[in-house]
């Protein structure tokens, strides 16, 4: 199985982010 994360970054306190992990194999 291969896993690739995305969606990270810099954000101000109180903000939001959505991380994704794409699985293959």
PDBML (XML) file of the C-alpha atoms, coordinates in Angstrom:
<?xml version="1.0" encoding="UTF-8" ?>
<PDBx:datablock datablockName="MODEL"
   xmlns:PDBx="http://pdbml.pdb.org/schema/pdbx-v50.xsd"
   xmlns:xsi="http://www.w3.org/2001/XMLSchema-instance"
   xsi:schemaLocation="http://pdbml.pdb.org/schema/pdbx-v50.xsd pdbx-v50.xsd">
   <PDBx:atom_siteCategory>
      <PDBx:atom_site id="1">
         <PDBx:B_iso_or_equiv>0.00</PDBx:B_iso_or_equiv>
         <PDBx:Cartn_x>0.000</PDBx:Cartn_x>
         <PDBx:Cartn_y>0.000</PDBx:Cartn_y>
         <PDBx:Cartn_z>0.000</PDBx:Cartn_z>
         <PDBx:auth_asym_id>A</PDBx:auth_asym_id>
         <PDBx:auth_atom_id>CA</PDBx:auth_atom_id>
         <PDBx:auth_comp_id>UNK</PDBx:auth_comp_id>
         <PDBx:auth_seq_id>1</PDBx:auth_seq_id>
         <PDBx:group_PDB>ATOM</PDBx:group_PDB>
         <PDBx:label_alt_id xsi:nil="true" />
         <PDBx:label_asym_id>A</PDBx:label_asym_id>
         <PDBx:label_atom_id>CA</PDBx:label_atom_id>
         <PDBx:label_comp_id>UNK</PDBx:label_comp_id>
         <PDBx:label_entity_id>1</PDBx:label_entity_id>
         <PDBx:label_seq_id>1</PDBx:label_seq_id>
         <PDBx:occupancy>1.00</PDBx:occupancy>
         <PDBx:pdbx_PDB_model_num>1</PDBx:pdbx_PDB_model_num>
         <PDBx:type_symbol>C</PDBx:type_symbol>
      </PDBx:atom_site>
      <PDBx:atom_site id="2">
         <PDBx:B_iso_or_equiv>0.00</PDBx:B_iso_or_equiv>
         <PDBx:Cartn_x>1.232</PDBx:Cartn_x>
         <PDBx:Cartn_y>3.470</PDBx:Cartn_y>
         <PDBx:Cartn_z>-0.861</PDBx:Cartn_z>
         <PDBx:auth_asym_id>A</PDBx:auth_asym_id>
         <PDBx:auth_atom_id>CA</PDBx:auth_atom_id>
         <PDBx:auth_comp_id>UNK</PDBx:auth_comp_id>
         <PDBx:auth_seq_id>2</PDBx:auth_seq_id>
         <PDBx:group_PDB>ATOM</PDBx:group_PDB>
         <PDBx:label_alt_id xsi:nil="true" />
         <PDBx:label_asym_id>A</PDBx:label_asym_id>
         <PDBx:label_atom_id>CA</PDBx:label_atom_id>
         <PDBx:label_comp_id>UNK</PDBx:label_comp_id>
         <PDBx:label_entity_id>1</PDBx:label_entity_id>
         <PDBx:label_seq_id>2</PDBx:label_seq_id>
         <PDBx:occupancy>1.00</PDBx:occupancy>
         <PDBx:pdbx_PDB_model_num>1</PDBx:pdbx_PDB_model_num>
         <PDBx:type_symbol>C</PDBx:type_symbol>
      </PDBx:atom_site>
      <PDBx:atom_site id="3">
         <PDBx:B_iso_or_equiv>0.00</PDBx:B_iso_or_equiv>
         <PDBx:Cartn_x>0.029</PDBx:Cartn_x>
         <PDBx:Cartn_y>6.483</PDBx:Cartn_y>
         <PDBx:Cartn_z>1.100</PDBx:Cartn_z>
         <PDBx:auth_asym_id>A</PDBx:auth_asym_id>
         <PDBx:auth_atom_id>CA</PDBx:auth_atom_id>
         <PDBx:auth_comp_id>UNK</PDBx:auth_comp_id>
         <PDBx:auth_seq_id>3</PDBx:auth_seq_id>
         <PDBx:group_PDB>ATOM</PDBx:group_PDB>
         <PDBx:label_alt_id xsi:nil="true" />
         <PDBx:label_asym_id>A</PDBx:label_asym_id>
         <PDBx:label_atom_id>CA</PDBx:label_atom_id>
         <PDBx:label_comp_id>UNK</PDBx:label_comp_id>
         <PDBx:label_entity_id>1</PDBx:label_entity_id>
         <PDBx:label_seq_id>3</PDBx:label_seq_id>
         <PDBx:occupancy>1.00</PDBx:occupancy>
         <PDBx:pdbx_PDB_model_num>1</PDBx:pdbx_PDB_model_num>
         <PDBx:type_symbol>C</PDBx:type_symbol>
      </PDBx:atom_site>
      <PDBx:atom_site id="4">
         <PDBx:B_iso_or_equiv>0.00</PDBx:B_iso_or_equiv>
         <PDBx:Cartn_x>0.413</PDBx:Cartn_x>
         <PDBx:Cartn_y>10.126</PDBx:Cartn_y>
         <PDBx:Cartn_z>0.094</PDBx:Cartn_z>
         <PDBx:auth_asym_id>A</PDBx:auth_asym_id>
         <PDBx:auth_atom_id>CA</PDBx:auth_atom_id>
         <PDBx:auth_comp_id>UNK</PDBx:auth_comp_id>
         <PDBx:auth_seq_id>4</PDBx:auth_seq_id>
         <PDBx:group_PDB>ATOM</PDBx:group_PDB>
         <PDBx:label_alt_id xsi:nil="true" />
         <PDBx:label_asym_id>A</PDBx:label_asym_id>
         <PDBx:label_atom_id>CA</PDBx:label_atom_id>
         <PDBx:label_comp_id>UNK</PDBx:label_comp_id>
         <PDBx:label_entity_id>1</PDBx:label_entity_id>
         <PDBx:label_seq_id>4</PDBx:label_seq_id>
         <PDBx:occupancy>1.00</PDBx:occupancy>
         <PDBx:pdbx_PDB_model_num>1</PDBx:pdbx_PDB_model_num>
         <PDBx:type_symbol>C</PDBx:type_symbol>
      </PDBx:atom_site>
      <PDBx:atom_site id="5">
         <PDBx:B_iso_or_equiv>0.00</PDBx:B_iso_or_equiv>
         <PDBx:Cartn_x>-0.658</PDBx:Cartn_x>
         <PDBx:Cartn_y>12.958</PDBx:Cartn_y>
         <PDBx:Cartn_z>2.372</PDBx:Cartn_z>
         <PDBx:auth_asym_id>A</PDBx:auth_asym_id>
         <PDBx:auth_atom_id>CA</PDBx:auth_atom_id>
         <PDBx:auth_comp_id>UNK</PDBx:auth_comp_id>
         <PDBx:auth_seq_id>5</PDBx:auth_seq_id>
         <PDBx:group_PDB>ATOM</PDBx:group_PDB>
         <PDBx:label_alt_id xsi:nil="true" />
         <PDBx:label_asym_id>A</PDBx:label_asym_id>
         <PDBx:label_atom_id>CA</PDBx:label_atom_id>
         <PDBx:label_comp_id>UNK</PDBx:label_comp_id>
         <PDBx:label_entity_id>1</PDBx:label_entity_id>
         <PDBx:label_seq_id>5</PDBx:label_seq_id>
         <PDBx:occupancy>1.00</PDBx:occupancy>
         <PDBx:pdbx_PDB_model_num>1</PDBx:pdbx_PDB_model_num>
         <PDBx:type_symbol>C</PDBx:type_symbol>
      </PDBx:atom_site>
      <PDBx:atom_site id="6">
         <PDBx:B_iso_or_equiv>0.00</PDBx:B_iso_or_equiv>
         <PDBx:Cartn_x>-1.619</PDBx:Cartn_x>
         <PDBx:Cartn_y>16.432</PDBx:Cartn_y>
         <PDBx:Cartn_z>1.241</PDBx:Cartn_z>
         <PDBx:auth_asym_id>A</PDBx:auth_asym_id>
         <PDBx:auth_atom_id>CA</PDBx:auth_atom_id>
         <PDBx:auth_comp_id>UNK</PDBx:auth_comp_id>
         <PDBx:auth_seq_id>6</PDBx:auth_seq_id>
         <PDBx:group_PDB>ATOM</PDBx:group_PDB>
         <PDBx:label_alt_id xsi:nil="true" />
         <PDBx:label_asym_id>A</PDBx:label_asym_id>
         <PDBx:label_atom_id>CA</PDBx:label_atom_id>
         <PDBx:label_comp_id>UNK</PDBx:label_comp_id>
         <PDBx:label_entity_id>1</PDBx:label_entity_id>
         <PDBx:label_seq_id>6</PDBx:label_seq_id>
         <PDBx:occupancy>1.00</PDBx:occupancy>
         <PDBx:pdbx_PDB_model_num>1</PDBx:pdbx_PDB_model_num>
         <PDBx:type_symbol>C</PDBx:type_symbol>
      </PDBx:atom_site>
      <PDBx:atom_site id="7">
         <PDBx:B_iso_or_equiv>0.00</PDBx:B_iso_or_equiv>
         <PDBx:Cartn_x>-3.381</PDBx:Cartn_x>
         <PDBx:Cartn_y>19.513</PDBx:Cartn_y>
         <PDBx:Cartn_z>2.537</PDBx:Cartn_z>
         <PDBx:auth_asym_id>A</PDBx:auth_asym_id>
         <PDBx:auth_atom_id>CA</PDBx:auth_atom_id>
         <PDBx:auth_comp_id>UNK</PDBx:auth_comp_id>
         <PDBx:auth_seq_id>7</PDBx:auth_seq_id>
         <PDBx:group_PDB>ATOM</PDBx:group_PDB>
         <PDBx:label_alt_id xsi:nil="true" />
         <PDBx:label_asym_id>A</PDBx:label_asym_id>
         <PDBx:label_atom_id>CA</PDBx:label_atom_id>
         <PDBx:label_comp_id>UNK</PDBx:label_comp_id>
         <PDBx:label_entity_id>1</PDBx:label_entity_id>
         <PDBx:label_seq_id>7</PDBx:label_seq_id>
         <PDBx:occupancy>1.00</PDBx:occupancy>
         <PDBx:pdbx_PDB_model_num>1</PDBx:pdbx_PDB_model_num>
         <PDBx:type_symbol>C</PDBx:type_symbol>
      </PDBx:atom_site>
      <PDBx:atom_site id="8">
         <PDBx:B_iso_or_equiv>0.00</PDBx:B_iso_or_equiv>
         <PDBx:Cartn_x>-0.899</PDBx:Cartn_x>
         <PDBx:Cartn_y>20.716</PDBx:Cartn_y>
         <PDBx:Cartn_z>5.116</PDBx:Cartn_z>
         <PDBx:auth_asym_id>A</PDBx:auth_asym_id>
         <PDBx:auth_atom_id>CA</PDBx:auth_atom_id>
         <PDBx:auth_comp_id>UNK</PDBx:auth_comp_id>
         <PDBx:auth_seq_id>8</PDBx:auth_seq_id>
         <PDBx:group_PDB>ATOM</PDBx:group_PDB>
         <PDBx:label_alt_id xsi:nil="true" />
         <PDBx:label_asym_id>A</PDBx:label_asym_id>
         <PDBx:label_atom_id>CA</PDBx:label_atom_id>
         <PDBx:label_comp_id>UNK</PDBx:label_comp_id>
         <PDBx:label_entity_id>1</PDBx:label_entity_id>
         <PDBx:label_seq_id>8</PDBx:label_seq_id>
         <PDBx:occupancy>1.00</PDBx:occupancy>
         <PDBx:pdbx_PDB_model_num>1</PDBx:pdbx_PDB_model_num>
         <PDBx:type_symbol>C</PDBx:type_symbol>
      </PDBx:atom_site>
      <PDBx:atom_site id="9">
         <PDBx:B_iso_or_equiv>0.00</PDBx:B_iso_or_equiv>
         <PDBx:Cartn_x>0.256</PDBx:Cartn_x>
         <PDBx:Cartn_y>24.292</PDBx:Cartn_y>
         <PDBx:Cartn_z>5.371</PDBx:Cartn_z>
         <PDBx:auth_asym_id>A</PDBx:auth_asym_id>
         <PDBx:auth_atom_id>CA</PDBx:auth_atom_id>
         <PDBx:auth_comp_id>UNK</PDBx:auth_comp_id>
         <PDBx:auth_seq_id>9</PDBx:auth_seq_id>
         <PDBx:group_PDB>ATOM</PDBx:group_PDB>
         <PDBx:label_alt_id xsi:nil="true" />
         <PDBx:label_asym_id>A</PDBx:label_asym_id>
         <PDBx:label_atom_id>CA</PDBx:label_atom_id>
         <PDBx:label_comp_id>UNK</PDBx:label_comp_id>
         <PDBx:label_entity_id>1</PDBx:label_entity_id>
         <PDBx:label_seq_id>9</PDBx:label_seq_id>
         <PDBx:occupancy>1.00</PDBx:occupancy>
         <PDBx:pdbx_PDB_model_num>1</PDBx:pdbx_PDB_model_num>
         <PDBx:type_symbol>C</PDBx:type_symbol>
      </PDBx:atom_site>
      <PDBx:atom_site id="10">
         <PDBx:B_iso_or_equiv>0.00</PDBx:B_iso_or_equiv>
         <PDBx:Cartn_x>0.418</PDBx:Cartn_x>
         <PDBx:Cartn_y>27.358</PDBx:Cartn_y>
         <PDBx:Cartn_z>7.565</PDBx:Cartn_z>
         <PDBx:auth_asym_id>A</PDBx:auth_asym_id>
         <PDBx:auth_atom_id>CA</PDBx:auth_atom_id>
         <PDBx:auth_comp_id>UNK</PDBx:auth_comp_id>
         <PDBx:auth_seq_id>10</PDBx:auth_seq_id>
         <PDBx:group_PDB>ATOM</PDBx:group_PDB>
         <PDBx:label_alt_id xsi:nil="true" />
         <PDBx:label_asym_id>A</PDBx:label_asym_id>
         <PDBx:label_atom_id>CA</PDBx:label_atom_id>
         <PDBx:label_comp_id>UNK</PDBx:label_comp_id>
         <PDBx:label_entity_id>1</PDBx:label_entity_id>
         <PDBx:label_seq_id>10</PDBx:label_seq_id>
         <PDBx:occupancy>1.00</PDBx:occupancy>
         <PDBx:pdbx_PDB_model_num>1</PDBx:pdbx_PDB_model_num>
         <PDBx:type_symbol>C</PDBx:type_symbol>
      </PDBx:atom_site>
      <PDBx:atom_site id="11">
         <PDBx:B_iso_or_equiv>0.00</PDBx:B_iso_or_equiv>
         <PDBx:Cartn_x>-2.697</PDBx:Cartn_x>
         <PDBx:Cartn_y>28.724</PDBx:Cartn_y>
         <PDBx:Cartn_z>9.193</PDBx:Cartn_z>
         <PDBx:auth_asym_id>A</PDBx:auth_asym_id>
         <PDBx:auth_atom_id>CA</PDBx:auth_atom_id>
         <PDBx:auth_comp_id>UNK</PDBx:auth_comp_id>
         <PDBx:auth_seq_id>11</PDBx:auth_seq_id>
         <PDBx:group_PDB>ATOM</PDBx:group_PDB>
         <PDBx:label_alt_id xsi:nil="true" />
         <PDBx:label_asym_id>A</PDBx:label_asym_id>
         <PDBx:label_atom_id>CA</PDBx:label_atom_id>
         <PDBx:label_comp_id>UNK</PDBx:label_comp_id>
         <PDBx:label_entity_id>1</PDBx:label_entity_id>
         <PDBx:label_seq_id>11</PDBx:label_seq_id>
         <PDBx:occupancy>1.00</PDBx:occupancy>
         <PDBx:pdbx_PDB_model_num>1</PDBx:pdbx_PDB_model_num>
         <PDBx:type_symbol>C</PDBx:type_symbol>
      </PDBx:atom_site>
      <PDBx:atom_site id="12">
         <PDBx:B_iso_or_equiv>0.00</PDBx:B_iso_or_equiv>
         <PDBx:Cartn_x>-3.634</PDBx:Cartn_x>
         <PDBx:Cartn_y>31.237</PDBx:Cartn_y>
         <PDBx:Cartn_z>11.862</PDBx:Cartn_z>
         <PDBx:auth_asym_id>A</PDBx:auth_asym_id>
         <PDBx:auth_atom_id>CA</PDBx:auth_atom_id>
         <PDBx:auth_comp_id>UNK</PDBx:auth_comp_id>
         <PDBx:auth_seq_id>12</PDBx:auth_seq_id>
         <PDBx:group_PDB>ATOM</PDBx:group_PDB>
         <PDBx:label_alt_id xsi:nil="true" />
         <PDBx:label_asym_id>A</PDBx:label_asym_id>
         <PDBx:label_atom_id>CA</PDBx:label_atom_id>
         <PDBx:label_comp_id>UNK</PDBx:label_comp_id>
         <PDBx:label_entity_id>1</PDBx:label_entity_id>
         <PDBx:label_seq_id>12</PDBx:label_seq_id>
         <PDBx:occupancy>1.00</PDBx:occupancy>
         <PDBx:pdbx_PDB_model_num>1</PDBx:pdbx_PDB_model_num>
         <PDBx:type_symbol>C</PDBx:type_symbol>
      </PDBx:atom_site>
      <PDBx:atom_site id="13">
         <PDBx:B_iso_or_equiv>0.00</PDBx:B_iso_or_equiv>
         <PDBx:Cartn_x>-4.913</PDBx:Cartn_x>
         <PDBx:Cartn_y>30.027</PDBx:Cartn_y>
         <PDBx:Cartn_z>15.213</PDBx:Cartn_z>
         <PDBx:auth_asym_id>A</PDBx:auth_asym_id>
         <PDBx:auth_atom_id>CA</PDBx:auth_atom_id>
         <PDBx:auth_comp_id>UNK</PDBx:auth_comp_id>
         <PDBx:auth_seq_id>13</PDBx:auth_seq_id>
         <PDBx:group_PDB>ATOM</PDBx:group_PDB>
         <PDBx:label_alt_id xsi:nil="true" />
         <PDBx:label_asym_id>A</PDBx:label_asym_id>
         <PDBx:label_atom_id>CA</PDBx:label_atom_id>
         <PDBx:label_comp_id>UNK</PDBx:label_comp_id>
         <PDBx:label_entity_id>1</PDBx:label_entity_id>
         <PDBx:label_seq_id>13</PDBx:label_seq_id>
         <PDBx:occupancy>1.00</PDBx:occupancy>
         <PDBx:pdbx_PDB_model_num>1</PDBx:pdbx_PDB_model_num>
         <PDBx:type_symbol>C</PDBx:type_symbol>
      </PDBx:atom_site>
      <PDBx:atom_site id="14">
         <PDBx:B_iso_or_equiv>0.00</PDBx:B_iso_or_equiv>
         <PDBx:Cartn_x>-8.617</PDBx:Cartn_x>
         <PDBx:Cartn_y>29.339</PDBx:Cartn_y>
         <PDBx:Cartn_z>14.990</PDBx:Cartn_z>
         <PDBx:auth_asym_id>A</PDBx:auth_asym_id>
         <PDBx:auth_atom_id>CA</PDBx:auth_atom_id>
         <PDBx:auth_comp_id>UNK</PDBx:auth_comp_id>
         <PDBx:auth_seq_id>14</PDBx:auth_seq_id>
         <PDBx:group_PDB>ATOM</PDBx:group_PDB>
         <PDBx:label_alt_id xsi:nil="true" />
         <PDBx:label_asym_id>A</PDBx:label_asym_id>
         <PDBx:label_atom_id>CA</PDBx:label_atom_id>
         <PDBx:label_comp_id>UNK</PDBx:label_comp_id>
         <PDBx:label_entity_id>1</PDBx:label_entity_id>
         <PDBx:label_seq_id>14</PDBx:label_seq_id>
         <PDBx:occupancy>1.00</PDBx:occupancy>
         <PDBx:pdbx_PDB_model_num>1</PDBx:pdbx_PDB_model_num>
         <PDBx:type_symbol>C</PDBx:type_symbol>
      </PDBx:atom_site>
      <PDBx:atom_site id="15">
         <PDBx:B_iso_or_equiv>0.00</PDBx:B_iso_or_equiv>
         <PDBx:Cartn_x>-8.414</PDBx:Cartn_x>
         <PDBx:Cartn_y>28.441</PDBx:Cartn_y>
         <PDBx:Cartn_z>11.328</PDBx:Cartn_z>
         <PDBx:auth_asym_id>A</PDBx:auth_asym_id>
         <PDBx:auth_atom_id>CA</PDBx:auth_atom_id>
         <PDBx:auth_comp_id>UNK</PDBx:auth_comp_id>
         <PDBx:auth_seq_id>15</PDBx:auth_seq_id>
         <PDBx:group_PDB>ATOM</PDBx:group_PDB>
         <PDBx:label_alt_id xsi:nil="true" />
         <PDBx:label_asym_id>A</PDBx:label_asym_id>
         <PDBx:label_atom_id>CA</PDBx:label_atom_id>
         <PDBx:label_comp_id>UNK</PDBx:label_comp_id>
         <PDBx:label_entity_id>1</PDBx:label_entity_id>
         <PDBx:label_seq_id>15</PDBx:label_seq_id>
         <PDBx:occupancy>1.00</PDBx:occupancy>
         <PDBx:pdbx_PDB_model_num>1</PDBx:pdbx_PDB_model_num>
         <PDBx:type_symbol>C</PDBx:type_symbol>
      </PDBx:atom_site>
      <PDBx:atom_site id="16">
         <PDBx:B_iso_or_equiv>0.00</PDBx:B_iso_or_equiv>
         <PDBx:Cartn_x>-9.104</PDBx:Cartn_x>
         <PDBx:Cartn_y>25.170</PDBx:Cartn_y>
         <PDBx:Cartn_z>9.571</PDBx:Cartn_z>
         <PDBx:auth_asym_id>A</PDBx:auth_asym_id>
         <PDBx:auth_atom_id>CA</PDBx:auth_atom_id>
         <PDBx:auth_comp_id>UNK</PDBx:auth_comp_id>
         <PDBx:auth_seq_id>16</PDBx:auth_seq_id>
         <PDBx:group_PDB>ATOM</PDBx:group_PDB>
         <PDBx:label_alt_id xsi:nil="true" />
         <PDBx:label_asym_id>A</PDBx:label_asym_id>
         <PDBx:label_atom_id>CA</PDBx:label_atom_id>
         <PDBx:label_comp_id>UNK</PDBx:label_comp_id>
         <PDBx:label_entity_id>1</PDBx:label_entity_id>
         <PDBx:label_seq_id>16</PDBx:label_seq_id>
         <PDBx:occupancy>1.00</PDBx:occupancy>
         <PDBx:pdbx_PDB_model_num>1</PDBx:pdbx_PDB_model_num>
         <PDBx:type_symbol>C</PDBx:type_symbol>
      </PDBx:atom_site>
      <PDBx:atom_site id="17">
         <PDBx:B_iso_or_equiv>0.00</PDBx:B_iso_or_equiv>
         <PDBx:Cartn_x>-7.316</PDBx:Cartn_x>
         <PDBx:Cartn_y>22.687</PDBx:Cartn_y>
         <PDBx:Cartn_z>7.353</PDBx:Cartn_z>
         <PDBx:auth_asym_id>A</PDBx:auth_asym_id>
         <PDBx:auth_atom_id>CA</PDBx:auth_atom_id>
         <PDBx:auth_comp_id>UNK</PDBx:auth_comp_id>
         <PDBx:auth_seq_id>17</PDBx:auth_seq_id>
         <PDBx:group_PDB>ATOM</PDBx:group_PDB>
         <PDBx:label_alt_id xsi:nil="true" />
         <PDBx:label_asym_id>A</PDBx:label_asym_id>
         <PDBx:label_atom_id>CA</PDBx:label_atom_id>
         <PDBx:label_comp_id>UNK</PDBx:label_comp_id>
         <PDBx:label_entity_id>1</PDBx:label_entity_id>
         <PDBx:label_seq_id>17</PDBx:label_seq_id>
         <PDBx:occupancy>1.00</PDBx:occupancy>
         <PDBx:pdbx_PDB_model_num>1</PDBx:pdbx_PDB_model_num>
         <PDBx:type_symbol>C</PDBx:type_symbol>
      </PDBx:atom_site>
      <PDBx:atom_site id="18">
         <PDBx:B_iso_or_equiv>0.00</PDBx:B_iso_or_equiv>
         <PDBx:Cartn_x>-8.350</PDBx:Cartn_x>
         <PDBx:Cartn_y>19.444</PDBx:Cartn_y>
         <PDBx:Cartn_z>5.729</PDBx:Cartn_z>
         <PDBx:auth_asym_id>A</PDBx:auth_asym_id>
         <PDBx:auth_atom_id>CA</PDBx:auth_atom_id>
         <PDBx:auth_comp_id>UNK</PDBx:auth_comp_id>
         <PDBx:auth_seq_id>18</PDBx:auth_seq_id>
         <PDBx:group_PDB>ATOM</PDBx:group_PDB>
         <PDBx:label_alt_id xsi:nil="true" />
         <PDBx:label_asym_id>A</PDBx:label_asym_id>
         <PDBx:label_atom_id>CA</PDBx:label_atom_id>
         <PDBx:label_comp_id>UNK</PDBx:label_comp_id>
         <PDBx:label_entity_id>1</PDBx:label_entity_id>
         <PDBx:label_seq_id>18</PDBx:label_seq_id>
         <PDBx:occupancy>1.00</PDBx:occupancy>
         <PDBx:pdbx_PDB_model_num>1</PDBx:pdbx_PDB_model_num>
         <PDBx:type_symbol>C</PDBx:type_symbol>
      </PDBx:atom_site>
      <PDBx:atom_site id="19">
         <PDBx:B_iso_or_equiv>0.00</PDBx:B_iso_or_equiv>
         <PDBx:Cartn_x>-5.703</PDBx:Cartn_x>
         <PDBx:Cartn_y>16.795</PDBx:Cartn_y>
         <PDBx:Cartn_z>5.291</PDBx:Cartn_z>
         <PDBx:auth_asym_id>A</PDBx:auth_asym_id>
         <PDBx:auth_atom_id>CA</PDBx:auth_atom_id>
         <PDBx:auth_comp_id>UNK</PDBx:auth_comp_id>
         <PDBx:auth_seq_id>19</PDBx:auth_seq_id>
         <PDBx:group_PDB>ATOM</PDBx:group_PDB>
         <PDBx:label_alt_id xsi:nil="true" />
         <PDBx:label_asym_id>A</PDBx:label_asym_id>
         <PDBx:label_atom_id>CA</PDBx:label_atom_id>
         <PDBx:label_comp_id>UNK</PDBx:label_comp_id>
         <PDBx:label_entity_id>1</PDBx:label_entity_id>
         <PDBx:label_seq_id>19</PDBx:label_seq_id>
         <PDBx:occupancy>1.00</PDBx:occupancy>
         <PDBx:pdbx_PDB_model_num>1</PDBx:pdbx_PDB_model_num>
         <PDBx:type_symbol>C</PDBx:type_symbol>
      </PDBx:atom_site>
      <PDBx:atom_site id="20">
         <PDBx:B_iso_or_equiv>0.00</PDBx:B_iso_or_equiv>
         <PDBx:Cartn_x>-6.059</PDBx:Cartn_x>
         <PDBx:Cartn_y>14.083</PDBx:Cartn_y>
         <PDBx:Cartn_z>2.682</PDBx:Cartn_z>
         <PDBx:auth_asym_id>A</PDBx:auth_asym_id>
         <PDBx:auth_atom_id>CA</PDBx:auth_atom_id>
         <PDBx:auth_comp_id>UNK</PDBx:auth_comp_id>
         <PDBx:auth_seq_id>20</PDBx:auth_seq_id>
         <PDBx:group_PDB>ATOM</PDBx:group_PDB>
         <PDBx:label_alt_id xsi:nil="true" />
         <PDBx:label_asym_id>A</PDBx:label_asym_id>
         <PDBx:label_atom_id>CA</PDBx:label_atom_id>
         <PDBx:label_comp_id>UNK</PDBx:label_comp_id>
         <PDBx:label_entity_id>1</PDBx:label_entity_id>
         <PDBx:label_seq_id>20</PDBx:label_seq_id>
         <PDBx:occupancy>1.00</PDBx:occupancy>
         <PDBx:pdbx_PDB_model_num>1</PDBx:pdbx_PDB_model_num>
         <PDBx:type_symbol>C</PDBx:type_symbol>
      </PDBx:atom_site>
      <PDBx:atom_site id="21">
         <PDBx:B_iso_or_equiv>0.00</PDBx:B_iso_or_equiv>
         <PDBx:Cartn_x>-4.385</PDBx:Cartn_x>
         <PDBx:Cartn_y>10.702</PDBx:Cartn_y>
         <PDBx:Cartn_z>2.423</PDBx:Cartn_z>
         <PDBx:auth_asym_id>A</PDBx:auth_asym_id>
         <PDBx:auth_atom_id>CA</PDBx:auth_atom_id>
         <PDBx:auth_comp_id>UNK</PDBx:auth_comp_id>
         <PDBx:auth_seq_id>21</PDBx:auth_seq_id>
         <PDBx:group_PDB>ATOM</PDBx:group_PDB>
         <PDBx:label_alt_id xsi:nil="true" />
         <PDBx:label_asym_id>A</PDBx:label_asym_id>
         <PDBx:label_atom_id>CA</PDBx:label_atom_id>
         <PDBx:label_comp_id>UNK</PDBx:label_comp_id>
         <PDBx:label_entity_id>1</PDBx:label_entity_id>
         <PDBx:label_seq_id>21</PDBx:label_seq_id>
         <PDBx:occupancy>1.00</PDBx:occupancy>
         <PDBx:pdbx_PDB_model_num>1</PDBx:pdbx_PDB_model_num>
         <PDBx:type_symbol>C</PDBx:type_symbol>
      </PDBx:atom_site>
      <PDBx:atom_site id="22">
         <PDBx:B_iso_or_equiv>0.00</PDBx:B_iso_or_equiv>
         <PDBx:Cartn_x>-4.591</PDBx:Cartn_x>
         <PDBx:Cartn_y>8.997</PDBx:Cartn_y>
         <PDBx:Cartn_z>-0.937</PDBx:Cartn_z>
         <PDBx:auth_asym_id>A</PDBx:auth_asym_id>
         <PDBx:auth_atom_id>CA</PDBx:auth_atom_id>
         <PDBx:auth_comp_id>UNK</PDBx:auth_comp_id>
         <PDBx:auth_seq_id>22</PDBx:auth_seq_id>
         <PDBx:group_PDB>ATOM</PDBx:group_PDB>
         <PDBx:label_alt_id xsi:nil="true" />
         <PDBx:label_asym_id>A</PDBx:label_asym_id>
         <PDBx:label_atom_id>CA</PDBx:label_atom_id>
         <PDBx:label_comp_id>UNK</PDBx:label_comp_id>
         <PDBx:label_entity_id>1</PDBx:label_entity_id>
         <PDBx:label_seq_id>22</PDBx:label_seq_id>
         <PDBx:occupancy>1.00</PDBx:occupancy>
         <PDBx:pdbx_PDB_model_num>1</PDBx:pdbx_PDB_model_num>
         <PDBx:type_symbol>C</PDBx:type_symbol>
      </PDBx:atom_site>
      <PDBx:atom_site id="23">
         <PDBx:B_iso_or_equiv>0.00</PDBx:B_iso_or_equiv>
         <PDBx:Cartn_x>-4.128</PDBx:Cartn_x>
         <PDBx:Cartn_y>5.238</PDBx:Cartn_y>
         <PDBx:Cartn_z>-0.793</PDBx:Cartn_z>
         <PDBx:auth_asym_id>A</PDBx:auth_asym_id>
         <PDBx:auth_atom_id>CA</PDBx:auth_atom_id>
         <PDBx:auth_comp_id>UNK</PDBx:auth_comp_id>
         <PDBx:auth_seq_id>23</PDBx:auth_seq_id>
         <PDBx:group_PDB>ATOM</PDBx:group_PDB>
         <PDBx:label_alt_id xsi:nil="true" />
         <PDBx:label_asym_id>A</PDBx:label_asym_id>
         <PDBx:label_atom_id>CA</PDBx:label_atom_id>
         <PDBx:label_comp_id>UNK</PDBx:label_comp_id>
         <PDBx:label_entity_id>1</PDBx:label_entity_id>
         <PDBx:label_seq_id>23</PDBx:label_seq_id>
         <PDBx:occupancy>1.00</PDBx:occupancy>
         <PDBx:pdbx_PDB_model_num>1</PDBx:pdbx_PDB_model_num>
         <PDBx:type_symbol>C</PDBx:type_symbol>
      </PDBx:atom_site>
      <PDBx:atom_site id="24">
         <PDBx:B_iso_or_equiv>0.00</PDBx:B_iso_or_equiv>
         <PDBx:Cartn_x>-3.081</PDBx:Cartn_x>
         <PDBx:Cartn_y>3.106</PDBx:Cartn_y>
         <PDBx:Cartn_z>-3.720</PDBx:Cartn_z>
         <PDBx:auth_asym_id>A</PDBx:auth_asym_id>
         <PDBx:auth_atom_id>CA</PDBx:auth_atom_id>
         <PDBx:auth_comp_id>UNK</PDBx:auth_comp_id>
         <PDBx:auth_seq_id>24</PDBx:auth_seq_id>
         <PDBx:group_PDB>ATOM</PDBx:group_PDB>
         <PDBx:label_alt_id xsi:nil="true" />
         <PDBx:label_asym_id>A</PDBx:label_asym_id>
         <PDBx:label_atom_id>CA</PDBx:label_atom_id>
         <PDBx:label_comp_id>UNK</PDBx:label_comp_id>
         <PDBx:label_entity_id>1</PDBx:label_entity_id>
         <PDBx:label_seq_id>24</PDBx:label_seq_id>
         <PDBx:occupancy>1.00</PDBx:occupancy>
         <PDBx:pdbx_PDB_model_num>1</PDBx:pdbx_PDB_model_num>
         <PDBx:type_symbol>C</PDBx:type_symbol>
      </PDBx:atom_site>
      <PDBx:atom_site id="25">
         <PDBx:B_iso_or_equiv>0.00</PDBx:B_iso_or_equiv>
         <PDBx:Cartn_x>-1.907</PDBx:Cartn_x>
         <PDBx:Cartn_y>-0.423</PDBx:Cartn_y>
         <PDBx:Cartn_z>-4.331</PDBx:Cartn_z>
         <PDBx:auth_asym_id>A</PDBx:auth_asym_id>
         <PDBx:auth_atom_id>CA</PDBx:auth_atom_id>
         <PDBx:auth_comp_id>UNK</PDBx:auth_comp_id>
         <PDBx:auth_seq_id>25</PDBx:auth_seq_id>
         <PDBx:group_PDB>ATOM</PDBx:group_PDB>
         <PDBx:label_alt_id xsi:nil="true" />
         <PDBx:label_asym_id>A</PDBx:label_asym_id>
         <PDBx:label_atom_id>CA</PDBx:label_atom_id>
         <PDBx:label_comp_id>UNK</PDBx:label_comp_id>
         <PDBx:label_entity_id>1</PDBx:label_entity_id>
         <PDBx:label_seq_id>25</PDBx:label_seq_id>
         <PDBx:occupancy>1.00</PDBx:occupancy>
         <PDBx:pdbx_PDB_model_num>1</PDBx:pdbx_PDB_model_num>
         <PDBx:type_symbol>C</PDBx:type_symbol>
      </PDBx:atom_site>
   </PDBx:atom_siteCategory>
</PDBx:datablock>
